[in-house]
N, C-alpha and C. Protein backbone atom coordinates (compact mmCIF):
# COMPACT_ATOMS: atom_id res chain seq x y z
N MET A 1 42.03 -7.35 9.38
CA MET A 1 41.43 -6.05 9.62
C MET A 1 40.24 -5.88 8.68
N LEU A 2 39.16 -5.33 9.22
CA LEU A 2 37.96 -5.08 8.43
C LEU A 2 37.97 -3.66 7.87
N TYR A 3 37.39 -3.53 6.68
CA TYR A 3 37.32 -2.23 6.01
C TYR A 3 35.86 -1.90 5.70
N ALA A 4 35.63 -0.67 5.30
CA ALA A 4 34.27 -0.23 4.96
C ALA A 4 33.62 -1.18 3.97
N ARG A 5 34.35 -1.59 2.95
CA ARG A 5 33.78 -2.46 1.90
C ARG A 5 33.29 -3.80 2.47
N ASP A 6 33.85 -4.22 3.62
CA ASP A 6 33.48 -5.50 4.22
C ASP A 6 32.16 -5.44 4.99
N ILE A 7 31.79 -4.26 5.45
CA ILE A 7 30.61 -4.17 6.32
C ILE A 7 29.50 -3.26 5.78
N MET A 8 29.77 -2.54 4.69
CA MET A 8 28.79 -1.57 4.20
C MET A 8 27.58 -2.25 3.58
N THR A 9 26.47 -1.55 3.63
CA THR A 9 25.25 -1.96 2.93
C THR A 9 25.35 -1.39 1.52
N THR A 10 25.25 -2.26 0.53
CA THR A 10 25.46 -1.81 -0.85
C THR A 10 24.17 -1.45 -1.58
N GLU A 11 23.05 -1.91 -1.09
CA GLU A 11 21.76 -1.52 -1.68
C GLU A 11 21.32 -0.24 -0.99
N VAL A 12 21.68 0.89 -1.59
CA VAL A 12 21.47 2.18 -0.95
C VAL A 12 20.26 2.90 -1.55
N LEU A 13 19.31 3.20 -0.70
CA LEU A 13 18.17 4.01 -1.09
C LEU A 13 18.61 5.46 -1.01
N THR A 14 18.33 6.23 -2.05
CA THR A 14 18.71 7.65 -2.07
C THR A 14 17.50 8.49 -2.46
N VAL A 15 17.63 9.79 -2.23
CA VAL A 15 16.63 10.75 -2.70
C VAL A 15 17.36 11.86 -3.45
N SER A 16 16.61 12.64 -4.20
CA SER A 16 17.20 13.76 -4.93
C SER A 16 16.91 15.05 -4.17
N PRO A 17 17.64 16.12 -4.48
CA PRO A 17 17.35 17.41 -3.84
C PRO A 17 15.93 17.90 -4.13
N GLU A 18 15.34 17.43 -5.22
CA GLU A 18 14.00 17.87 -5.60
C GLU A 18 12.89 17.10 -4.89
N THR A 19 13.22 16.03 -4.18
CA THR A 19 12.21 15.24 -3.47
C THR A 19 11.50 16.13 -2.45
N SER A 20 10.19 16.03 -2.39
CA SER A 20 9.44 16.85 -1.43
C SER A 20 9.64 16.30 -0.01
N ILE A 21 9.51 17.19 0.95
CA ILE A 21 9.62 16.78 2.35
C ILE A 21 8.50 15.81 2.70
N ALA A 22 7.33 16.00 2.11
CA ALA A 22 6.22 15.07 2.36
C ALA A 22 6.58 13.66 1.88
N ASP A 23 7.15 13.56 0.67
CA ASP A 23 7.56 12.24 0.16
C ASP A 23 8.68 11.65 1.00
N LEU A 24 9.65 12.48 1.38
CA LEU A 24 10.75 12.01 2.23
C LEU A 24 10.21 11.46 3.54
N SER A 25 9.30 12.18 4.16
CA SER A 25 8.75 11.75 5.45
C SER A 25 8.09 10.39 5.33
N LYS A 26 7.38 10.16 4.23
CA LYS A 26 6.73 8.86 4.00
C LYS A 26 7.78 7.75 3.87
N ILE A 27 8.86 8.04 3.15
CA ILE A 27 9.92 7.04 2.97
C ILE A 27 10.56 6.70 4.31
N LEU A 28 10.90 7.72 5.09
CA LEU A 28 11.54 7.49 6.39
C LEU A 28 10.63 6.68 7.30
N GLU A 29 9.35 7.02 7.31
CA GLU A 29 8.40 6.31 8.16
C GLU A 29 8.20 4.87 7.68
N ASN A 30 7.96 4.68 6.40
CA ASN A 30 7.70 3.34 5.86
C ASN A 30 8.90 2.42 6.00
N ARG A 31 10.09 2.95 5.82
CA ARG A 31 11.31 2.13 5.89
C ARG A 31 11.88 2.06 7.30
N LYS A 32 11.33 2.85 8.21
CA LYS A 32 11.82 2.89 9.60
C LYS A 32 13.31 3.23 9.64
N ILE A 33 13.68 4.29 8.90
CA ILE A 33 15.07 4.74 8.86
C ILE A 33 15.14 6.21 9.27
N GLY A 34 16.32 6.64 9.66
CA GLY A 34 16.49 7.99 10.18
C GLY A 34 17.02 9.00 9.19
N GLY A 35 17.44 8.55 8.02
CA GLY A 35 17.97 9.50 7.05
C GLY A 35 18.40 8.80 5.78
N LEU A 36 18.73 9.63 4.78
CA LEU A 36 19.11 9.10 3.47
C LEU A 36 20.17 9.97 2.82
N PRO A 37 20.99 9.36 1.97
CA PRO A 37 21.90 10.16 1.15
C PRO A 37 21.10 10.89 0.07
N VAL A 38 21.60 12.06 -0.31
CA VAL A 38 20.97 12.86 -1.36
C VAL A 38 21.93 12.90 -2.54
N VAL A 39 21.45 12.48 -3.71
CA VAL A 39 22.31 12.44 -4.90
C VAL A 39 21.71 13.28 -6.01
N ASP A 40 22.60 13.83 -6.87
CA ASP A 40 22.14 14.61 -8.01
C ASP A 40 21.79 13.67 -9.16
N LYS A 41 21.41 14.24 -10.29
CA LYS A 41 20.99 13.42 -11.44
C LYS A 41 22.11 12.54 -11.97
N GLY A 42 23.35 12.92 -11.71
CA GLY A 42 24.49 12.11 -12.14
C GLY A 42 24.89 11.05 -11.14
N GLY A 43 24.13 10.94 -10.04
CA GLY A 43 24.43 9.94 -9.01
C GLY A 43 25.51 10.36 -8.03
N ARG A 44 25.91 11.61 -8.07
CA ARG A 44 26.94 12.11 -7.14
C ARG A 44 26.29 12.57 -5.84
N LEU A 45 26.95 12.23 -4.74
CA LEU A 45 26.45 12.61 -3.42
C LEU A 45 26.55 14.13 -3.25
N VAL A 46 25.43 14.75 -2.89
CA VAL A 46 25.42 16.20 -2.67
C VAL A 46 25.05 16.56 -1.24
N GLY A 47 24.59 15.57 -0.46
CA GLY A 47 24.22 15.84 0.93
C GLY A 47 23.60 14.62 1.58
N VAL A 48 23.17 14.82 2.80
CA VAL A 48 22.39 13.82 3.53
C VAL A 48 21.22 14.55 4.17
N ILE A 49 20.14 13.83 4.33
CA ILE A 49 18.95 14.38 4.98
C ILE A 49 18.56 13.42 6.09
N THR A 50 18.34 13.95 7.28
CA THR A 50 18.01 13.11 8.44
C THR A 50 16.78 13.65 9.15
N GLN A 51 16.27 12.84 10.05
CA GLN A 51 15.16 13.28 10.89
C GLN A 51 15.56 14.54 11.65
N SER A 52 16.81 14.61 12.07
CA SER A 52 17.28 15.79 12.81
C SER A 52 17.19 17.05 11.96
N ASP A 53 17.48 16.94 10.66
CA ASP A 53 17.36 18.10 9.77
C ASP A 53 15.91 18.57 9.72
N LEU A 54 14.98 17.63 9.69
CA LEU A 54 13.56 17.98 9.63
C LEU A 54 13.10 18.61 10.94
N VAL A 55 13.57 18.06 12.05
CA VAL A 55 13.21 18.62 13.36
C VAL A 55 13.76 20.04 13.48
N GLU A 56 14.98 20.24 13.03
CA GLU A 56 15.60 21.57 13.06
C GLU A 56 14.76 22.56 12.25
N ARG A 57 14.29 22.13 11.11
CA ARG A 57 13.47 23.00 10.25
C ARG A 57 12.14 23.32 10.93
N ALA A 58 11.54 22.34 11.60
CA ALA A 58 10.25 22.54 12.24
C ALA A 58 10.36 23.35 13.53
N ARG A 59 11.55 23.43 14.07
CA ARG A 59 11.79 24.11 15.35
C ARG A 59 11.36 25.57 15.30
N ASP A 60 11.42 26.18 14.14
CA ASP A 60 11.07 27.59 14.00
C ASP A 60 9.57 27.86 14.12
N LEU A 61 8.78 26.81 14.06
CA LEU A 61 7.34 27.00 14.15
C LEU A 61 6.95 27.26 15.60
N GLU A 62 6.32 28.38 15.84
CA GLU A 62 5.84 28.71 17.17
C GLU A 62 4.34 28.44 17.19
N LEU A 63 3.96 27.41 17.90
CA LEU A 63 2.54 27.07 17.93
C LEU A 63 1.79 28.09 18.78
N PRO A 64 0.61 28.46 18.34
CA PRO A 64 -0.17 29.45 19.08
C PRO A 64 -0.72 28.83 20.37
N PRO A 65 -1.16 29.68 21.30
CA PRO A 65 -1.75 29.17 22.54
C PRO A 65 -2.97 28.30 22.23
N ALA A 66 -3.12 27.25 23.01
CA ALA A 66 -4.23 26.33 22.80
C ALA A 66 -4.77 25.86 24.13
N ILE A 67 -6.00 25.39 24.10
CA ILE A 67 -6.57 24.75 25.27
C ILE A 67 -6.97 23.34 24.87
N ASN A 68 -6.95 22.45 25.84
CA ASN A 68 -7.33 21.06 25.59
C ASN A 68 -8.66 20.78 26.28
N ILE A 69 -9.60 20.33 25.50
CA ILE A 69 -10.90 19.93 26.05
C ILE A 69 -11.18 18.53 25.52
N LEU A 70 -11.25 17.57 26.43
CA LEU A 70 -11.51 16.19 26.05
C LEU A 70 -10.59 15.71 24.93
N ASP A 71 -9.30 15.92 25.10
CA ASP A 71 -8.27 15.53 24.14
C ASP A 71 -8.38 16.24 22.79
N LEU A 72 -9.10 17.32 22.74
CA LEU A 72 -9.22 18.12 21.52
C LEU A 72 -8.42 19.39 21.72
N HIS A 73 -7.49 19.67 20.80
CA HIS A 73 -6.69 20.89 20.88
C HIS A 73 -7.43 22.00 20.15
N ILE A 74 -7.74 23.06 20.88
CA ILE A 74 -8.41 24.21 20.28
C ILE A 74 -7.44 25.38 20.34
N TYR A 75 -7.02 25.84 19.17
CA TYR A 75 -6.09 26.96 19.12
C TYR A 75 -6.86 28.26 19.27
N LEU A 76 -6.36 29.11 20.16
CA LEU A 76 -7.05 30.36 20.45
C LEU A 76 -6.92 31.35 19.30
N GLN A 77 -5.83 31.29 18.60
CA GLN A 77 -5.67 32.11 17.40
C GLN A 77 -4.56 31.49 16.56
N ILE A 78 -4.66 31.63 15.28
CA ILE A 78 -3.62 31.13 14.39
C ILE A 78 -3.13 32.32 13.58
N PRO A 79 -1.98 32.84 13.97
CA PRO A 79 -1.46 34.00 13.25
C PRO A 79 -1.13 33.66 11.80
N SER A 80 -1.31 34.63 10.93
CA SER A 80 -1.08 34.39 9.50
C SER A 80 0.36 33.99 9.21
N HIS A 81 1.31 34.52 10.00
CA HIS A 81 2.71 34.16 9.75
C HIS A 81 2.95 32.67 10.01
N LEU A 82 2.20 32.08 10.96
CA LEU A 82 2.34 30.65 11.23
C LEU A 82 1.83 29.85 10.04
N ILE A 83 0.71 30.25 9.50
CA ILE A 83 0.15 29.56 8.33
C ILE A 83 1.15 29.62 7.18
N GLN A 84 1.75 30.78 6.98
CA GLN A 84 2.74 30.93 5.91
C GLN A 84 3.95 30.03 6.14
N ARG A 85 4.41 29.95 7.39
CA ARG A 85 5.57 29.10 7.70
C ARG A 85 5.25 27.63 7.47
N VAL A 86 4.06 27.20 7.89
CA VAL A 86 3.67 25.80 7.70
C VAL A 86 3.57 25.49 6.21
N GLU A 87 2.95 26.39 5.45
CA GLU A 87 2.84 26.18 4.01
C GLU A 87 4.22 26.13 3.35
N LYS A 88 5.11 26.99 3.81
CA LYS A 88 6.47 27.00 3.25
C LYS A 88 7.19 25.70 3.59
N MET A 89 7.02 25.23 4.83
CA MET A 89 7.68 24.00 5.23
C MET A 89 7.13 22.81 4.44
N LEU A 90 5.82 22.77 4.24
CA LEU A 90 5.22 21.66 3.50
C LEU A 90 5.62 21.69 2.04
N GLY A 91 5.93 22.86 1.52
CA GLY A 91 6.37 22.97 0.13
C GLY A 91 7.86 22.82 -0.04
N ALA A 92 8.58 22.60 1.05
CA ALA A 92 10.04 22.50 1.00
C ALA A 92 10.48 21.20 0.34
N THR A 93 11.69 21.22 -0.15
CA THR A 93 12.29 20.03 -0.75
C THR A 93 13.47 19.57 0.09
N VAL A 94 13.94 18.39 -0.21
CA VAL A 94 15.11 17.85 0.47
C VAL A 94 16.29 18.81 0.34
N GLY A 95 16.44 19.41 -0.84
CA GLY A 95 17.53 20.35 -1.07
C GLY A 95 17.50 21.55 -0.15
N ASP A 96 16.30 21.93 0.31
CA ASP A 96 16.15 23.06 1.22
C ASP A 96 16.60 22.71 2.64
N CYS A 97 16.54 21.44 3.01
CA CYS A 97 16.75 21.03 4.40
C CYS A 97 17.99 20.18 4.63
N MET A 98 18.57 19.62 3.58
CA MET A 98 19.67 18.66 3.72
C MET A 98 20.93 19.31 4.28
N THR A 99 21.81 18.46 4.77
CA THR A 99 23.15 18.88 5.17
C THR A 99 24.05 18.63 3.97
N PRO A 100 24.58 19.70 3.37
CA PRO A 100 25.44 19.52 2.20
C PRO A 100 26.85 19.07 2.59
N ASN A 101 27.56 18.52 1.64
CA ASN A 101 28.96 18.11 1.84
C ASN A 101 29.17 17.27 3.10
N PRO A 102 28.49 16.13 3.19
CA PRO A 102 28.61 15.32 4.40
C PRO A 102 29.98 14.64 4.51
N VAL A 103 30.28 14.22 5.72
CA VAL A 103 31.48 13.43 5.96
C VAL A 103 31.27 12.08 5.30
N THR A 104 32.29 11.59 4.60
CA THR A 104 32.20 10.30 3.91
C THR A 104 33.47 9.50 4.16
N VAL A 105 33.43 8.24 3.79
CA VAL A 105 34.62 7.39 3.85
C VAL A 105 34.76 6.66 2.52
N ALA A 106 35.93 6.11 2.29
CA ALA A 106 36.21 5.31 1.10
C ALA A 106 36.03 3.83 1.43
N PRO A 107 35.87 2.98 0.43
CA PRO A 107 35.72 1.54 0.69
C PRO A 107 36.89 0.92 1.45
N ASP A 108 38.08 1.51 1.32
CA ASP A 108 39.25 0.94 2.00
C ASP A 108 39.55 1.59 3.35
N THR A 109 38.59 2.32 3.92
CA THR A 109 38.77 2.92 5.24
C THR A 109 38.61 1.83 6.31
N PRO A 110 39.56 1.72 7.24
CA PRO A 110 39.44 0.72 8.31
C PRO A 110 38.22 0.97 9.19
N VAL A 111 37.59 -0.10 9.63
CA VAL A 111 36.41 -0.01 10.47
C VAL A 111 36.71 0.75 11.76
N SER A 112 37.88 0.58 12.32
CA SER A 112 38.23 1.29 13.55
C SER A 112 38.20 2.80 13.34
N GLN A 113 38.65 3.24 12.19
CA GLN A 113 38.64 4.67 11.86
C GLN A 113 37.20 5.16 11.66
N ILE A 114 36.37 4.34 11.04
CA ILE A 114 34.97 4.69 10.83
C ILE A 114 34.26 4.84 12.17
N ALA A 115 34.49 3.89 13.08
CA ALA A 115 33.85 3.95 14.40
C ALA A 115 34.26 5.21 15.14
N ALA A 116 35.55 5.54 15.09
CA ALA A 116 36.03 6.75 15.77
C ALA A 116 35.40 8.00 15.16
N LEU A 117 35.32 8.04 13.84
CA LEU A 117 34.74 9.18 13.14
C LEU A 117 33.26 9.35 13.48
N MET A 118 32.52 8.24 13.47
CA MET A 118 31.10 8.31 13.77
C MET A 118 30.86 8.74 15.21
N ALA A 119 31.69 8.28 16.13
CA ALA A 119 31.55 8.68 17.53
C ALA A 119 31.87 10.16 17.71
N LYS A 120 32.96 10.59 17.10
CA LYS A 120 33.38 11.99 17.24
C LYS A 120 32.37 12.95 16.62
N GLN A 121 31.85 12.61 15.46
CA GLN A 121 30.92 13.48 14.73
C GLN A 121 29.45 13.25 15.14
N LYS A 122 29.23 12.27 16.04
CA LYS A 122 27.87 11.91 16.47
C LYS A 122 26.98 11.56 15.28
N MET A 123 27.51 10.70 14.42
CA MET A 123 26.80 10.29 13.21
C MET A 123 26.17 8.92 13.43
N HIS A 124 25.02 8.71 12.81
CA HIS A 124 24.36 7.41 12.87
C HIS A 124 24.66 6.59 11.62
N THR A 125 24.89 7.28 10.53
CA THR A 125 25.15 6.63 9.24
C THR A 125 26.18 7.44 8.49
N ILE A 126 27.05 6.75 7.76
CA ILE A 126 28.08 7.45 6.98
C ILE A 126 28.11 6.87 5.57
N PRO A 127 28.07 7.73 4.55
CA PRO A 127 28.12 7.25 3.17
C PRO A 127 29.53 6.78 2.79
N VAL A 128 29.58 5.78 1.93
CA VAL A 128 30.84 5.27 1.40
C VAL A 128 30.90 5.68 -0.08
N LEU A 129 31.95 6.43 -0.44
CA LEU A 129 32.08 6.93 -1.81
C LEU A 129 33.27 6.32 -2.52
N LYS A 130 33.08 6.11 -3.82
CA LYS A 130 34.17 5.68 -4.70
C LYS A 130 34.01 6.49 -5.98
N GLY A 131 35.01 7.28 -6.31
CA GLY A 131 34.94 8.11 -7.51
C GLY A 131 33.82 9.13 -7.45
N GLY A 132 33.51 9.62 -6.25
CA GLY A 132 32.47 10.63 -6.09
C GLY A 132 31.06 10.09 -6.06
N LYS A 133 30.91 8.79 -6.28
CA LYS A 133 29.57 8.18 -6.29
C LYS A 133 29.40 7.29 -5.07
N ILE A 134 28.17 7.23 -4.59
CA ILE A 134 27.89 6.44 -3.40
C ILE A 134 27.84 4.95 -3.77
N VAL A 135 28.62 4.16 -3.06
CA VAL A 135 28.65 2.72 -3.31
C VAL A 135 28.13 1.93 -2.11
N GLY A 136 27.87 2.64 -1.00
CA GLY A 136 27.37 1.98 0.18
C GLY A 136 27.15 2.96 1.31
N VAL A 137 26.57 2.45 2.38
CA VAL A 137 26.42 3.22 3.61
C VAL A 137 26.77 2.30 4.77
N ILE A 138 27.24 2.92 5.83
CA ILE A 138 27.55 2.17 7.05
C ILE A 138 26.79 2.82 8.19
N GLY A 139 25.98 2.01 8.86
CA GLY A 139 25.23 2.49 10.02
C GLY A 139 25.82 1.90 11.28
N LYS A 140 25.34 2.37 12.39
CA LYS A 140 25.84 1.87 13.68
C LYS A 140 25.64 0.37 13.82
N MET A 141 24.52 -0.15 13.28
CA MET A 141 24.29 -1.59 13.37
C MET A 141 25.30 -2.38 12.55
N ASP A 142 25.77 -1.81 11.45
CA ASP A 142 26.82 -2.47 10.67
C ASP A 142 28.08 -2.61 11.51
N LEU A 143 28.39 -1.57 12.29
CA LEU A 143 29.56 -1.64 13.18
C LEU A 143 29.37 -2.68 14.27
N VAL A 144 28.16 -2.73 14.83
CA VAL A 144 27.88 -3.72 15.87
C VAL A 144 28.02 -5.14 15.31
N ARG A 145 27.47 -5.37 14.10
CA ARG A 145 27.60 -6.69 13.48
C ARG A 145 29.07 -7.03 13.23
N ALA A 146 29.86 -6.04 12.83
CA ALA A 146 31.29 -6.28 12.59
C ALA A 146 31.99 -6.69 13.88
N MET A 147 31.61 -6.06 14.99
CA MET A 147 32.23 -6.41 16.28
C MET A 147 31.84 -7.81 16.72
N ALA A 148 30.65 -8.26 16.30
CA ALA A 148 30.17 -9.58 16.71
C ALA A 148 30.76 -10.71 15.87
N ARG A 149 31.41 -10.37 14.76
CA ARG A 149 32.01 -11.40 13.90
C ARG A 149 33.14 -12.12 14.64
N GLU A 150 33.26 -13.37 14.31
CA GLU A 150 34.38 -14.14 14.84
C GLU A 150 35.65 -13.68 14.15
N PRO A 151 36.78 -13.66 14.83
CA PRO A 151 38.04 -13.32 14.17
C PRO A 151 38.29 -14.27 13.01
N GLY A 152 38.69 -13.72 11.87
CA GLY A 152 38.97 -14.53 10.69
C GLY A 152 37.77 -14.74 9.79
N GLU A 153 36.59 -14.28 10.20
CA GLU A 153 35.39 -14.44 9.35
C GLU A 153 35.45 -13.50 8.19
């Protein structure tokens, strides 16, 4: 039987709650990843931040009416409240947008249980904790690789 410790990625990139959304966006784009664990100064997991969290935050922005001329977007008016919302969003931190208290697993959690949990919760990645600290992450591709292993490997 395979366990979380057998398939998890142990080199975990993390961000802090103080990381700016601009910096986070660059990391997600450059690394081609959909989210990251968020840890405090003591290395304890305090949340996760995903592309979905950012989309949810941006959803509140109501773009003003615009016309398109030769692929150029011309906004007919830009209300001051929109400018304030955009400025607020750009000044936001990971701590403002993250999902706190994420679902986690332990290193000795069976892979079958992890797969069921990820499917039920519609998760793409799940943090692995030991003693409150993140020791790995398991993504959907880790599960796929585990299924492709030969029995006994």
